[in-house]
Amino acid sequence: MNHLMLRNLEEPENRYNNTQFKKYLLNDSTYPIVYETLYYEANKYVIKENKLLENIFIIESGVVIENKEKSISSFLGVNELIGLEGLSHPKKTSSTSVMTLTKTVVYKMSIQSIKEKLVQRPNGYEILNELLLQKIINLTKRLTDTDSNYDKTLHLLENLASLYGQEKNGAIYMKKFFTKKMIANYLQVSYVTIVTICKRLVVEGILHDEPHGMILYPDKITNKKGK
């Protein structure tokens, strides 16, 4: 099976800002930062809610979920940064918990070392500000989204497919790392609503739902949007 993603549906601005800040932190030979590579199995905490933030993590591979008071606030994938709020002020505690959804590899570096680099290499502030601004814009879009539950569900499935789907013969195969209950939790709708929408997607030929995972057919989505 081809393990290349069909496409990354994350907003281009997000991808660019995440990649640029990662390069600033890890690939700058003029001011290297010491970091540690950590390997997590699925369902392990990277950060726990209300714990003191002393480090920032960059996802090298895998997918994690961010929870706030048991509600899923985001699914994060490659190059996403975890714990950025710790840069805002000293002794900051995490407002969310972050748990691995799949096997995950992250780079860990201290917030103090990043602050010291920002002082010595202030060009990083511009990248960081763009990254934080984009996160605010994305959160605002999500909170003010007036799309139907059907469209929200389809978009989320596309996004999850881009995070860890595997392409083969024009279809994207997704193992059952996430559940319909997770989707319902994230979209703040009932489990029955998600089950009903998935059944509709199956009838429309967009989705093939199996006990061990899902198969998404992007051409069917493109054709539907083109109508």
N, C-alpha and C. Protein backbone atom coordinates (compact mmCIF):
# COMPACT_ATOMS: atom_id res chain seq x y z
N MET A 1 0.84 -1.20 0.00
CA MET A 1 0.00 0.00 0.00
C MET A 1 0.87 1.24 0.00
N ASN A 2 0.52 2.24 -0.75
CA ASN A 2 1.25 3.49 -0.80
C ASN A 2 0.97 4.30 0.46
N HIS A 3 2.02 4.63 1.21
CA HIS A 3 1.84 5.34 2.46
C HIS A 3 1.92 6.85 2.30
N LEU A 4 1.95 7.35 1.06
CA LEU A 4 1.94 8.79 0.83
C LEU A 4 0.52 9.33 1.00
N MET A 5 0.39 10.48 1.65
CA MET A 5 -0.91 11.10 1.79
C MET A 5 -1.39 11.60 0.43
N LEU A 6 -2.67 11.50 0.19
CA LEU A 6 -3.20 12.00 -1.08
C LEU A 6 -3.00 13.51 -1.17
N ARG A 7 -3.30 14.19 -0.09
CA ARG A 7 -3.06 15.62 -0.03
C ARG A 7 -3.23 16.07 1.40
N ASN A 8 -2.67 17.21 1.74
CA ASN A 8 -2.83 17.76 3.08
C ASN A 8 -3.88 18.85 3.00
N LEU A 9 -5.00 18.67 3.67
CA LEU A 9 -6.11 19.61 3.57
C LEU A 9 -6.03 20.73 4.61
N GLU A 10 -4.94 20.73 5.39
CA GLU A 10 -4.73 21.83 6.31
C GLU A 10 -4.59 23.12 5.51
N GLU A 11 -5.03 24.24 6.07
CA GLU A 11 -4.92 25.51 5.38
C GLU A 11 -3.47 25.78 5.00
N PRO A 12 -3.20 26.29 3.78
CA PRO A 12 -1.82 26.56 3.36
C PRO A 12 -1.06 27.45 4.34
N GLU A 13 -1.75 28.44 4.93
CA GLU A 13 -1.10 29.33 5.88
C GLU A 13 -0.61 28.56 7.09
N ASN A 14 -1.42 27.61 7.56
CA ASN A 14 -1.03 26.79 8.71
C ASN A 14 0.23 26.00 8.40
N ARG A 15 0.22 25.33 7.25
CA ARG A 15 1.36 24.50 6.88
C ARG A 15 2.62 25.34 6.79
N TYR A 16 2.50 26.50 6.16
CA TYR A 16 3.66 27.36 5.97
C TYR A 16 4.20 27.86 7.31
N ASN A 17 3.31 28.37 8.17
CA ASN A 17 3.75 28.92 9.45
C ASN A 17 4.35 27.86 10.36
N ASN A 18 3.71 26.68 10.41
CA ASN A 18 4.24 25.58 11.23
C ASN A 18 5.62 25.16 10.74
N THR A 19 5.75 25.01 9.42
CA THR A 19 7.02 24.58 8.84
C THR A 19 8.12 25.62 9.08
N GLN A 20 7.78 26.89 8.92
CA GLN A 20 8.77 27.95 9.09
C GLN A 20 9.26 28.03 10.54
N PHE A 21 8.35 27.90 11.50
CA PHE A 21 8.77 27.98 12.90
C PHE A 21 9.57 26.74 13.29
N LYS A 22 9.21 25.60 12.74
CA LYS A 22 9.99 24.39 12.98
C LYS A 22 11.41 24.57 12.45
N LYS A 23 11.54 25.13 11.25
CA LYS A 23 12.87 25.38 10.68
C LYS A 23 13.65 26.36 11.56
N TYR A 24 12.98 27.40 12.02
CA TYR A 24 13.62 28.39 12.89
C TYR A 24 14.17 27.72 14.15
N LEU A 25 13.40 26.79 14.71
CA LEU A 25 13.81 26.15 15.96
C LEU A 25 14.86 25.06 15.76
N LEU A 26 14.69 24.26 14.72
CA LEU A 26 15.50 23.04 14.60
C LEU A 26 16.56 23.05 13.51
N ASN A 27 16.38 23.89 12.50
CA ASN A 27 17.28 23.82 11.34
C ASN A 27 18.13 25.07 11.14
N ASP A 28 18.33 25.82 12.20
CA ASP A 28 19.14 27.03 12.13
C ASP A 28 20.52 26.73 12.71
N SER A 29 21.50 26.53 11.84
CA SER A 29 22.84 26.15 12.28
C SER A 29 23.55 27.29 13.02
N THR A 30 23.05 28.53 12.85
CA THR A 30 23.69 29.67 13.52
C THR A 30 23.32 29.75 15.00
N TYR A 31 22.22 29.10 15.36
CA TYR A 31 21.81 29.10 16.77
C TYR A 31 21.00 27.82 17.02
N PRO A 32 21.67 26.68 17.15
CA PRO A 32 20.95 25.42 17.38
C PRO A 32 20.35 25.35 18.78
N ILE A 33 19.20 24.72 18.89
CA ILE A 33 18.55 24.48 20.18
C ILE A 33 18.64 22.98 20.49
N VAL A 34 18.98 22.68 21.71
CA VAL A 34 19.03 21.28 22.13
C VAL A 34 17.61 20.74 22.22
N TYR A 35 17.38 19.61 21.61
CA TYR A 35 16.05 18.99 21.69
C TYR A 35 16.17 17.49 21.87
N GLU A 36 15.07 16.89 22.31
CA GLU A 36 15.02 15.46 22.58
C GLU A 36 13.94 14.84 21.71
N THR A 37 14.21 13.67 21.17
CA THR A 37 13.21 12.95 20.38
C THR A 37 12.50 11.94 21.27
N LEU A 38 11.17 12.03 21.32
CA LEU A 38 10.38 11.14 22.16
C LEU A 38 9.46 10.28 21.31
N TYR A 39 9.27 9.04 21.72
CA TYR A 39 8.44 8.09 20.99
C TYR A 39 7.29 7.66 21.90
N TYR A 40 6.06 7.84 21.42
CA TYR A 40 4.87 7.50 22.19
C TYR A 40 4.06 6.41 21.50
N GLU A 41 3.52 5.52 22.28
CA GLU A 41 2.49 4.60 21.78
C GLU A 41 1.17 5.36 21.73
N ALA A 42 0.14 4.75 21.16
CA ALA A 42 -1.18 5.39 21.12
C ALA A 42 -1.75 5.50 22.53
N ASN A 43 -2.61 6.50 22.72
CA ASN A 43 -3.33 6.73 23.98
C ASN A 43 -2.41 7.07 25.15
N LYS A 44 -1.37 7.85 24.87
CA LYS A 44 -0.47 8.33 25.91
C LYS A 44 -0.51 9.85 25.96
N TYR A 45 -0.42 10.40 27.16
CA TYR A 45 -0.43 11.85 27.31
C TYR A 45 0.92 12.45 26.94
N VAL A 46 0.88 13.52 26.14
CA VAL A 46 2.06 14.34 25.89
C VAL A 46 2.06 15.49 26.90
N ILE A 47 0.90 16.09 27.08
CA ILE A 47 0.70 17.16 28.07
C ILE A 47 -0.64 16.91 28.77
N LYS A 48 -0.68 17.15 30.06
CA LYS A 48 -1.94 17.03 30.80
C LYS A 48 -2.48 18.41 31.14
N GLU A 49 -3.80 18.51 31.13
CA GLU A 49 -4.47 19.78 31.41
C GLU A 49 -4.10 20.29 32.79
N ASN A 50 -3.88 21.61 32.88
CA ASN A 50 -3.58 22.32 34.13
C ASN A 50 -2.19 22.01 34.69
N LYS A 51 -1.33 21.38 33.90
CA LYS A 51 0.04 21.13 34.32
C LYS A 51 0.94 22.26 33.83
N LEU A 52 1.99 22.54 34.59
CA LEU A 52 2.91 23.61 34.24
C LEU A 52 3.58 23.31 32.89
N LEU A 53 3.58 24.31 32.03
CA LEU A 53 4.20 24.14 30.71
C LEU A 53 5.66 24.57 30.77
N GLU A 54 6.54 23.60 30.57
CA GLU A 54 7.98 23.88 30.60
C GLU A 54 8.64 23.56 29.26
N ASN A 55 7.91 22.86 28.39
CA ASN A 55 8.48 22.44 27.11
C ASN A 55 7.48 22.64 25.98
N ILE A 56 8.01 22.73 24.78
CA ILE A 56 7.21 22.75 23.56
C ILE A 56 7.55 21.50 22.76
N PHE A 57 6.55 20.94 22.09
CA PHE A 57 6.72 19.72 21.32
C PHE A 57 6.34 19.98 19.87
N ILE A 58 7.11 19.41 18.95
CA ILE A 58 6.78 19.46 17.53
C ILE A 58 6.52 18.05 17.05
N ILE A 59 5.38 17.83 16.41
CA ILE A 59 5.03 16.49 15.94
C ILE A 59 5.82 16.15 14.68
N GLU A 60 6.61 15.10 14.75
CA GLU A 60 7.37 14.64 13.59
C GLU A 60 6.56 13.62 12.79
N SER A 61 5.81 12.76 13.50
CA SER A 61 4.92 11.80 12.83
C SER A 61 3.83 11.39 13.81
N GLY A 62 2.69 11.00 13.24
CA GLY A 62 1.57 10.58 14.07
C GLY A 62 0.50 11.65 14.19
N VAL A 63 -0.54 11.34 14.96
CA VAL A 63 -1.68 12.23 15.17
C VAL A 63 -2.01 12.27 16.65
N VAL A 64 -2.32 13.46 17.16
CA VAL A 64 -2.72 13.60 18.55
C VAL A 64 -4.06 14.32 18.61
N ILE A 65 -4.74 14.18 19.73
CA ILE A 65 -5.98 14.93 19.95
C ILE A 65 -5.77 15.84 21.14
N GLU A 66 -6.35 17.03 21.02
CA GLU A 66 -6.28 18.03 22.08
C GLU A 66 -7.65 18.10 22.75
N ASN A 67 -7.67 17.96 24.07
CA ASN A 67 -8.92 17.96 24.82
C ASN A 67 -8.95 19.10 25.82
N LYS A 68 -10.13 19.68 25.98
CA LYS A 68 -10.34 20.67 27.04
C LYS A 68 -11.58 20.27 27.80
N GLU A 69 -11.40 19.91 29.05
CA GLU A 69 -12.52 19.46 29.89
C GLU A 69 -13.30 18.35 29.21
N LYS A 70 -12.56 17.38 28.67
CA LYS A 70 -13.09 16.17 28.04
C LYS A 70 -13.76 16.40 26.69
N SER A 71 -13.66 17.62 26.17
CA SER A 71 -14.17 17.90 24.83
C SER A 71 -12.99 18.02 23.87
N ILE A 72 -13.07 17.34 22.73
CA ILE A 72 -11.98 17.39 21.75
C ILE A 72 -11.99 18.74 21.05
N SER A 73 -10.86 19.46 21.13
CA SER A 73 -10.78 20.78 20.52
C SER A 73 -10.03 20.76 19.19
N SER A 74 -9.20 19.74 18.97
CA SER A 74 -8.49 19.67 17.70
C SER A 74 -7.81 18.32 17.50
N PHE A 75 -7.59 17.99 16.23
CA PHE A 75 -6.76 16.87 15.83
C PHE A 75 -5.49 17.48 15.23
N LEU A 76 -4.32 17.09 15.70
CA LEU A 76 -3.07 17.69 15.25
C LEU A 76 -2.17 16.64 14.60
N GLY A 77 -1.50 17.06 13.51
CA GLY A 77 -0.63 16.15 12.78
C GLY A 77 0.78 16.69 12.62
N VAL A 78 1.47 16.23 11.59
CA VAL A 78 2.88 16.52 11.36
C VAL A 78 3.16 18.02 11.33
N ASN A 79 4.23 18.42 12.01
CA ASN A 79 4.75 19.80 12.11
C ASN A 79 3.94 20.71 13.01
N GLU A 80 2.81 20.21 13.56
CA GLU A 80 2.05 21.03 14.51
C GLU A 80 2.84 21.16 15.81
N LEU A 81 2.69 22.30 16.47
CA LEU A 81 3.39 22.57 17.72
C LEU A 81 2.43 22.44 18.90
N ILE A 82 2.91 21.83 19.96
CA ILE A 82 2.12 21.62 21.17
C ILE A 82 2.74 22.42 22.31
N GLY A 83 1.91 23.16 23.04
CA GLY A 83 2.39 23.90 24.21
C GLY A 83 2.84 25.31 23.94
N LEU A 84 2.48 25.86 22.77
CA LEU A 84 2.90 27.21 22.41
C LEU A 84 2.45 28.26 23.42
N GLU A 85 1.32 28.01 24.08
CA GLU A 85 0.81 29.00 25.03
C GLU A 85 1.79 29.22 26.17
N GLY A 86 2.72 28.28 26.37
CA GLY A 86 3.72 28.44 27.42
C GLY A 86 4.69 29.57 27.18
N LEU A 87 4.73 30.09 25.94
CA LEU A 87 5.61 31.21 25.62
C LEU A 87 5.01 32.56 26.05
N SER A 88 3.72 32.54 26.41
CA SER A 88 3.02 33.80 26.67
C SER A 88 3.48 34.48 27.94
N HIS A 89 3.64 33.71 29.02
CA HIS A 89 4.15 34.29 30.26
C HIS A 89 4.67 33.17 31.17
N PRO A 90 5.51 33.51 32.16
CA PRO A 90 6.10 32.49 33.04
C PRO A 90 5.03 31.74 33.83
N LYS A 91 5.37 30.52 34.17
CA LYS A 91 4.52 29.67 35.01
C LYS A 91 3.14 29.45 34.41
N LYS A 92 3.06 29.40 33.10
CA LYS A 92 1.80 29.16 32.41
C LYS A 92 1.44 27.68 32.52
N THR A 93 0.17 27.39 32.83
CA THR A 93 -0.29 26.01 32.85
C THR A 93 -1.09 25.71 31.59
N SER A 94 -1.12 24.46 31.19
CA SER A 94 -1.79 24.07 29.97
C SER A 94 -3.31 24.15 30.12
N SER A 95 -3.97 24.78 29.16
CA SER A 95 -5.43 24.88 29.18
C SER A 95 -6.08 23.64 28.59
N THR A 96 -5.26 22.78 27.97
CA THR A 96 -5.77 21.55 27.36
C THR A 96 -4.85 20.38 27.69
N SER A 97 -5.35 19.18 27.46
CA SER A 97 -4.51 18.00 27.51
C SER A 97 -4.30 17.51 26.08
N VAL A 98 -3.17 16.88 25.83
CA VAL A 98 -2.86 16.37 24.50
C VAL A 98 -2.52 14.89 24.62
N MET A 99 -3.26 14.06 23.88
CA MET A 99 -3.06 12.61 23.93
C MET A 99 -2.82 12.07 22.53
N THR A 100 -1.94 11.10 22.42
CA THR A 100 -1.65 10.50 21.12
C THR A 100 -2.81 9.63 20.66
N LEU A 101 -3.14 9.77 19.40
CA LEU A 101 -4.19 8.96 18.80
C LEU A 101 -3.58 7.76 18.08
N THR A 102 -2.35 7.94 17.63
CA THR A 102 -1.59 6.88 16.95
C THR A 102 -0.20 6.83 17.58
N LYS A 103 0.62 5.91 17.11
CA LYS A 103 2.03 5.97 17.48
C LYS A 103 2.57 7.31 17.00
N THR A 104 3.29 7.99 17.86
CA THR A 104 3.68 9.38 17.57
C THR A 104 5.13 9.63 17.96
N VAL A 105 5.80 10.42 17.12
CA VAL A 105 7.16 10.87 17.42
C VAL A 105 7.13 12.38 17.53
N VAL A 106 7.70 12.92 18.62
CA VAL A 106 7.74 14.38 18.80
C VAL A 106 9.15 14.82 19.17
N TYR A 107 9.43 16.08 18.85
CA TYR A 107 10.66 16.73 19.30
C TYR A 107 10.31 17.62 20.49
N LYS A 108 11.08 17.48 21.55
CA LYS A 108 10.81 18.22 22.78
C LYS A 108 11.95 19.20 23.05
N MET A 109 11.61 20.45 23.32
CA MET A 109 12.63 21.46 23.67
C MET A 109 12.08 22.36 24.75
N SER A 110 12.95 22.91 25.57
CA SER A 110 12.50 23.72 26.69
C SER A 110 12.02 25.09 26.23
N ILE A 111 10.99 25.59 26.89
CA ILE A 111 10.47 26.93 26.59
C ILE A 111 11.54 27.97 26.87
N GLN A 112 12.33 27.75 27.92
CA GLN A 112 13.37 28.71 28.25
C GLN A 112 14.38 28.85 27.12
N SER A 113 14.77 27.72 26.52
CA SER A 113 15.75 27.78 25.42
C SER A 113 15.18 28.51 24.21
N ILE A 114 13.87 28.37 23.98
CA ILE A 114 13.23 29.06 22.85
C ILE A 114 13.18 30.56 23.12
N LYS A 115 12.84 30.95 24.35
CA LYS A 115 12.81 32.36 24.71
C LYS A 115 14.18 33.00 24.54
N GLU A 116 15.20 32.28 24.93
CA GLU A 116 16.57 32.79 24.80
C GLU A 116 16.93 32.98 23.33
N LYS A 117 16.50 32.05 22.48
CA LYS A 117 16.79 32.18 21.05
C LYS A 117 16.03 33.35 20.45
N LEU A 118 14.79 33.56 20.87
CA LEU A 118 14.00 34.66 20.34
C LEU A 118 14.67 36.01 20.64
N VAL A 119 15.33 36.09 21.78
CA VAL A 119 16.05 37.32 22.13
C VAL A 119 17.25 37.51 21.20
N GLN A 120 17.97 36.43 20.95
CA GLN A 120 19.18 36.50 20.13
C GLN A 120 18.88 36.51 18.64
N ARG A 121 17.79 35.88 18.24
CA ARG A 121 17.39 35.80 16.83
C ARG A 121 15.93 36.27 16.72
N PRO A 122 15.69 37.59 16.87
CA PRO A 122 14.31 38.12 16.95
C PRO A 122 13.48 37.95 15.70
N ASN A 123 14.09 37.53 14.58
CA ASN A 123 13.28 37.27 13.39
C ASN A 123 12.24 36.18 13.65
N GLY A 124 12.47 35.38 14.69
CA GLY A 124 11.52 34.33 15.04
C GLY A 124 10.21 34.86 15.56
N TYR A 125 10.22 36.10 16.11
CA TYR A 125 8.99 36.68 16.63
C TYR A 125 7.95 36.88 15.53
N GLU A 126 8.41 37.30 14.35
CA GLU A 126 7.48 37.52 13.25
C GLU A 126 6.81 36.21 12.83
N ILE A 127 7.60 35.13 12.75
CA ILE A 127 7.04 33.82 12.40
C ILE A 127 6.07 33.36 13.48
N LEU A 128 6.46 33.52 14.73
CA LEU A 128 5.62 33.09 15.85
C LEU A 128 4.31 33.87 15.88
N ASN A 129 4.37 35.18 15.67
CA ASN A 129 3.15 35.99 15.68
C ASN A 129 2.19 35.57 14.57
N GLU A 130 2.73 35.27 13.38
CA GLU A 130 1.89 34.81 12.27
C GLU A 130 1.24 33.48 12.63
N LEU A 131 2.01 32.61 13.28
CA LEU A 131 1.49 31.30 13.67
C LEU A 131 0.36 31.44 14.68
N LEU A 132 0.55 32.28 15.68
CA LEU A 132 -0.47 32.47 16.71
C LEU A 132 -1.72 33.15 16.13
N LEU A 133 -1.50 34.12 15.24
CA LEU A 133 -2.63 34.81 14.61
C LEU A 133 -3.46 33.84 13.78
N GLN A 134 -2.80 32.95 13.05
CA GLN A 134 -3.52 31.99 12.23
C GLN A 134 -4.34 31.04 13.09
N LYS A 135 -3.81 30.68 14.26
CA LYS A 135 -4.55 29.81 15.17
C LYS A 135 -5.83 30.50 15.66
N ILE A 136 -5.72 31.80 15.94
CA ILE A 136 -6.90 32.56 16.37
C ILE A 136 -7.94 32.62 15.24
N ILE A 137 -7.46 32.85 14.02
CA ILE A 137 -8.36 32.91 12.86
C ILE A 137 -9.07 31.58 12.67
N ASN A 138 -8.32 30.48 12.78
CA ASN A 138 -8.90 29.15 12.61
C ASN A 138 -9.95 28.85 13.67
N LEU A 139 -9.65 29.25 14.93
CA LEU A 139 -10.59 29.02 16.02
C LEU A 139 -11.87 29.83 15.79
N THR A 140 -11.71 31.07 15.34
CA THR A 140 -12.86 31.93 15.06
C THR A 140 -13.73 31.32 13.96
N LYS A 141 -13.07 30.81 12.90
CA LYS A 141 -13.81 30.18 11.81
C LYS A 141 -14.62 28.99 12.32
N ARG A 142 -13.99 28.20 13.18
CA ARG A 142 -14.69 27.02 13.69
C ARG A 142 -15.89 27.41 14.54
N LEU A 143 -15.72 28.42 15.39
CA LEU A 143 -16.81 28.82 16.30
C LEU A 143 -17.95 29.50 15.56
N THR A 144 -17.66 30.11 14.40
CA THR A 144 -18.70 30.82 13.65
C THR A 144 -19.15 30.06 12.41
N ASP A 145 -18.72 28.80 12.30
CA ASP A 145 -19.05 27.98 11.13
C ASP A 145 -20.55 27.72 11.07
N THR A 146 -21.16 28.10 9.96
CA THR A 146 -22.60 27.89 9.80
C THR A 146 -22.93 26.76 8.82
N ASP A 147 -21.92 25.99 8.41
CA ASP A 147 -22.16 24.87 7.52
C ASP A 147 -23.07 23.85 8.20
N SER A 148 -23.68 23.01 7.40
CA SER A 148 -24.54 21.95 7.93
C SER A 148 -23.69 20.89 8.63
N ASN A 149 -24.32 20.10 9.47
CA ASN A 149 -23.61 19.01 10.14
C ASN A 149 -23.03 18.03 9.12
N TYR A 150 -23.74 17.86 8.01
CA TYR A 150 -23.26 16.99 6.94
C TYR A 150 -21.94 17.52 6.38
N ASP A 151 -21.90 18.80 6.03
CA ASP A 151 -20.69 19.38 5.46
C ASP A 151 -19.54 19.40 6.47
N LYS A 152 -19.85 19.69 7.74
CA LYS A 152 -18.82 19.69 8.76
C LYS A 152 -18.21 18.30 8.93
N THR A 153 -19.06 17.28 8.91
CA THR A 153 -18.59 15.91 9.05
C THR A 153 -17.72 15.50 7.87
N LEU A 154 -18.16 15.83 6.68
CA LEU A 154 -17.39 15.49 5.49
C LEU A 154 -16.03 16.18 5.49
N HIS A 155 -16.02 17.46 5.86
CA HIS A 155 -14.76 18.21 5.90
C HIS A 155 -13.81 17.60 6.93
N LEU A 156 -14.34 17.21 8.09
CA LEU A 156 -13.49 16.61 9.12
C LEU A 156 -12.92 15.27 8.65
N LEU A 157 -13.74 14.47 7.99
CA LEU A 157 -13.25 13.19 7.46
C LEU A 157 -12.15 13.42 6.43
N GLU A 158 -12.30 14.44 5.59
CA GLU A 158 -11.25 14.79 4.63
C GLU A 158 -9.96 15.18 5.36
N ASN A 159 -10.13 15.96 6.41
CA ASN A 159 -8.98 16.42 7.17
C ASN A 159 -8.26 15.26 7.86
N LEU A 160 -9.03 14.36 8.46
CA LEU A 160 -8.45 13.19 9.11
C LEU A 160 -7.74 12.30 8.10
N ALA A 161 -8.33 12.20 6.90
CA ALA A 161 -7.70 11.42 5.85
C ALA A 161 -6.35 12.02 5.46
N SER A 162 -6.29 13.36 5.44
CA SER A 162 -5.04 14.03 5.07
C SER A 162 -3.99 13.85 6.15
N LEU A 163 -4.42 13.68 7.41
CA LEU A 163 -3.48 13.52 8.51
C LEU A 163 -2.84 12.14 8.52
N TYR A 164 -3.63 11.08 8.35
CA TYR A 164 -3.01 9.75 8.40
C TYR A 164 -3.68 8.72 7.50
N GLY A 165 -4.31 9.20 6.42
CA GLY A 165 -4.84 8.27 5.45
C GLY A 165 -3.75 7.71 4.55
N GLN A 166 -4.00 6.59 3.94
CA GLN A 166 -3.06 5.95 3.01
C GLN A 166 -3.75 5.82 1.66
N GLU A 167 -3.09 6.33 0.63
CA GLU A 167 -3.69 6.35 -0.71
C GLU A 167 -3.40 5.05 -1.46
N LYS A 168 -4.43 4.55 -2.12
CA LYS A 168 -4.28 3.36 -2.97
C LYS A 168 -5.39 3.37 -4.01
N ASN A 169 -5.00 3.38 -5.28
CA ASN A 169 -5.96 3.29 -6.38
C ASN A 169 -7.08 4.33 -6.29
N GLY A 170 -6.70 5.56 -5.98
CA GLY A 170 -7.68 6.64 -5.98
C GLY A 170 -8.56 6.71 -4.76
N ALA A 171 -8.28 5.89 -3.74
CA ALA A 171 -9.05 5.92 -2.50
C ALA A 171 -8.10 6.19 -1.34
N ILE A 172 -8.65 6.68 -0.22
CA ILE A 172 -7.84 6.91 0.97
C ILE A 172 -8.33 5.97 2.07
N TYR A 173 -7.42 5.14 2.55
CA TYR A 173 -7.74 4.15 3.58
C TYR A 173 -7.34 4.70 4.95
N MET A 174 -8.29 4.64 5.88
CA MET A 174 -8.03 5.12 7.24
C MET A 174 -8.30 4.01 8.25
N LYS A 175 -7.28 3.66 9.03
CA LYS A 175 -7.49 2.70 10.10
C LYS A 175 -8.35 3.34 11.19
N LYS A 176 -8.92 2.50 12.04
CA LYS A 176 -9.87 3.00 13.03
C LYS A 176 -9.14 3.58 14.24
N PHE A 177 -8.31 4.62 14.00
CA PHE A 177 -7.67 5.30 15.11
C PHE A 177 -8.67 6.20 15.83
N PHE A 178 -9.62 6.73 15.07
CA PHE A 178 -10.63 7.60 15.65
C PHE A 178 -11.98 6.89 15.56
N THR A 179 -12.95 7.38 16.30
CA THR A 179 -14.27 6.76 16.32
C THR A 179 -15.34 7.80 15.99
N LYS A 180 -16.53 7.31 15.70
CA LYS A 180 -17.65 8.23 15.45
C LYS A 180 -17.98 9.04 16.69
N LYS A 181 -17.73 8.47 17.87
CA LYS A 181 -17.95 9.22 19.11
C LYS A 181 -16.98 10.40 19.20
N MET A 182 -15.74 10.20 18.74
CA MET A 182 -14.76 11.30 18.72
C MET A 182 -15.22 12.40 17.77
N ILE A 183 -15.71 12.00 16.61
CA ILE A 183 -16.19 12.97 15.62
C ILE A 183 -17.36 13.76 16.19
N ALA A 184 -18.28 13.06 16.83
CA ALA A 184 -19.44 13.73 17.44
C ALA A 184 -19.00 14.70 18.54
N ASN A 185 -18.03 14.26 19.35
CA ASN A 185 -17.51 15.10 20.42
C ASN A 185 -16.89 16.37 19.84
N TYR A 186 -16.06 16.23 18.82
CA TYR A 186 -15.38 17.38 18.22
C TYR A 186 -16.37 18.36 17.60
N LEU A 187 -17.37 17.83 16.88
CA LEU A 187 -18.34 18.68 16.19
C LEU A 187 -19.48 19.13 17.10
N GLN A 188 -19.49 18.61 18.33
CA GLN A 188 -20.53 18.98 19.30
C GLN A 188 -21.93 18.67 18.78
N VAL A 189 -22.06 17.46 18.24
CA VAL A 189 -23.36 16.96 17.80
C VAL A 189 -23.55 15.57 18.40
N SER A 190 -24.73 15.01 18.25
CA SER A 190 -24.99 13.71 18.83
C SER A 190 -24.33 12.59 18.03
N TYR A 191 -24.09 11.50 18.72
CA TYR A 191 -23.52 10.31 18.08
C TYR A 191 -24.45 9.81 16.98
N VAL A 192 -25.76 9.85 17.23
CA VAL A 192 -26.75 9.40 16.24
C VAL A 192 -26.65 10.23 14.97
N THR A 193 -26.41 11.53 15.11
CA THR A 193 -26.28 12.41 13.95
C THR A 193 -25.11 11.97 13.07
N ILE A 194 -23.98 11.67 13.70
CA ILE A 194 -22.80 11.25 12.93
C ILE A 194 -23.04 9.90 12.26
N VAL A 195 -23.66 8.98 12.97
CA VAL A 195 -23.97 7.67 12.37
C VAL A 195 -24.87 7.84 11.15
N THR A 196 -25.88 8.70 11.27
CA THR A 196 -26.81 8.96 10.16
C THR A 196 -26.08 9.56 8.96
N ILE A 197 -25.21 10.54 9.21
CA ILE A 197 -24.46 11.19 8.13
C ILE A 197 -23.52 10.20 7.45
N CYS A 198 -22.86 9.36 8.22
CA CYS A 198 -21.95 8.35 7.64
C CYS A 198 -22.72 7.37 6.76
N LYS A 199 -23.91 7.01 7.19
CA LYS A 199 -24.75 6.12 6.36
C LYS A 199 -25.11 6.79 5.05
N ARG A 200 -25.39 8.08 5.09
CA ARG A 200 -25.70 8.84 3.87
C ARG A 200 -24.48 8.89 2.95
N LEU A 201 -23.30 9.09 3.53
CA LEU A 201 -22.07 9.14 2.73
C LEU A 201 -21.80 7.79 2.06
N VAL A 202 -22.15 6.72 2.75
CA VAL A 202 -21.99 5.38 2.17
C VAL A 202 -22.92 5.22 0.97
N VAL A 203 -24.17 5.63 1.13
CA VAL A 203 -25.15 5.54 0.03
C VAL A 203 -24.69 6.37 -1.17
N GLU A 204 -24.07 7.52 -0.90
CA GLU A 204 -23.61 8.40 -1.98
C GLU A 204 -22.30 7.93 -2.61
N GLY A 205 -21.72 6.87 -2.07
CA GLY A 205 -20.50 6.34 -2.64
C GLY A 205 -19.24 7.09 -2.24
N ILE A 206 -19.36 8.01 -1.28
CA ILE A 206 -18.21 8.80 -0.83
C ILE A 206 -17.39 8.05 0.22
N LEU A 207 -18.07 7.21 0.98
CA LEU A 207 -17.45 6.54 2.12
C LEU A 207 -17.76 5.05 2.11
N HIS A 208 -16.77 4.26 2.47
CA HIS A 208 -16.98 2.84 2.73
C HIS A 208 -16.60 2.62 4.19
N ASP A 209 -17.58 2.25 5.01
CA ASP A 209 -17.40 2.16 6.46
C ASP A 209 -17.26 0.70 6.86
N GLU A 210 -16.12 0.37 7.47
CA GLU A 210 -15.85 -1.00 7.89
C GLU A 210 -15.52 -1.03 9.37
N PRO A 211 -15.61 -2.21 10.02
CA PRO A 211 -15.28 -2.29 11.45
C PRO A 211 -13.85 -1.88 11.77
N HIS A 212 -12.91 -2.13 10.85
CA HIS A 212 -11.50 -1.82 11.12
C HIS A 212 -11.05 -0.48 10.56
N GLY A 213 -11.96 0.25 9.93
CA GLY A 213 -11.58 1.56 9.40
C GLY A 213 -12.56 2.08 8.37
N MET A 214 -12.15 3.13 7.67
CA MET A 214 -12.98 3.76 6.65
C MET A 214 -12.18 3.94 5.36
N ILE A 215 -12.90 3.98 4.25
CA ILE A 215 -12.29 4.28 2.96
C ILE A 215 -13.03 5.48 2.38
N LEU A 216 -12.27 6.52 2.02
CA LEU A 216 -12.85 7.74 1.47
C LEU A 216 -12.50 7.83 -0.01
N TYR A 217 -13.48 8.24 -0.83
CA TYR A 217 -13.28 8.34 -2.27
C TYR A 217 -13.29 9.81 -2.68
N PRO A 218 -12.11 10.43 -2.79
CA PRO A 218 -12.02 11.88 -3.06
C PRO A 218 -12.65 12.31 -4.37
N ASP A 219 -12.59 11.47 -5.40
CA ASP A 219 -13.20 11.85 -6.68
C ASP A 219 -14.70 12.07 -6.54
N LYS A 220 -15.33 11.25 -5.71
CA LYS A 220 -16.76 11.39 -5.47
C LYS A 220 -17.07 12.73 -4.78
N ILE A 221 -16.14 13.14 -3.87
CA ILE A 221 -16.33 14.40 -3.17
C ILE A 221 -16.18 15.56 -4.16
N THR A 222 -15.15 15.47 -5.01
CA THR A 222 -14.91 16.52 -6.01
C THR A 222 -16.09 16.66 -6.95
N ASN A 223 -16.62 15.53 -7.40
CA ASN A 223 -17.78 15.55 -8.30
C ASN A 223 -19.00 16.17 -7.62
N LYS A 224 -19.16 15.85 -6.33
CA LYS A 224 -20.32 16.38 -5.60
C LYS A 224 -20.20 17.89 -5.44
N LYS A 225 -18.99 18.37 -5.14
CA LYS A 225 -18.79 19.80 -4.94
C LYS A 225 -18.90 20.57 -6.26
N GLY A 226 -18.65 19.84 -7.36
CA GLY A 226 -18.70 20.51 -8.67
C GLY A 226 -20.08 20.68 -9.21
N LYS A 227 -21.03 20.02 -8.58
CA LYS A 227 -22.42 20.10 -9.07
C LYS A 227 -23.05 21.44 -8.69
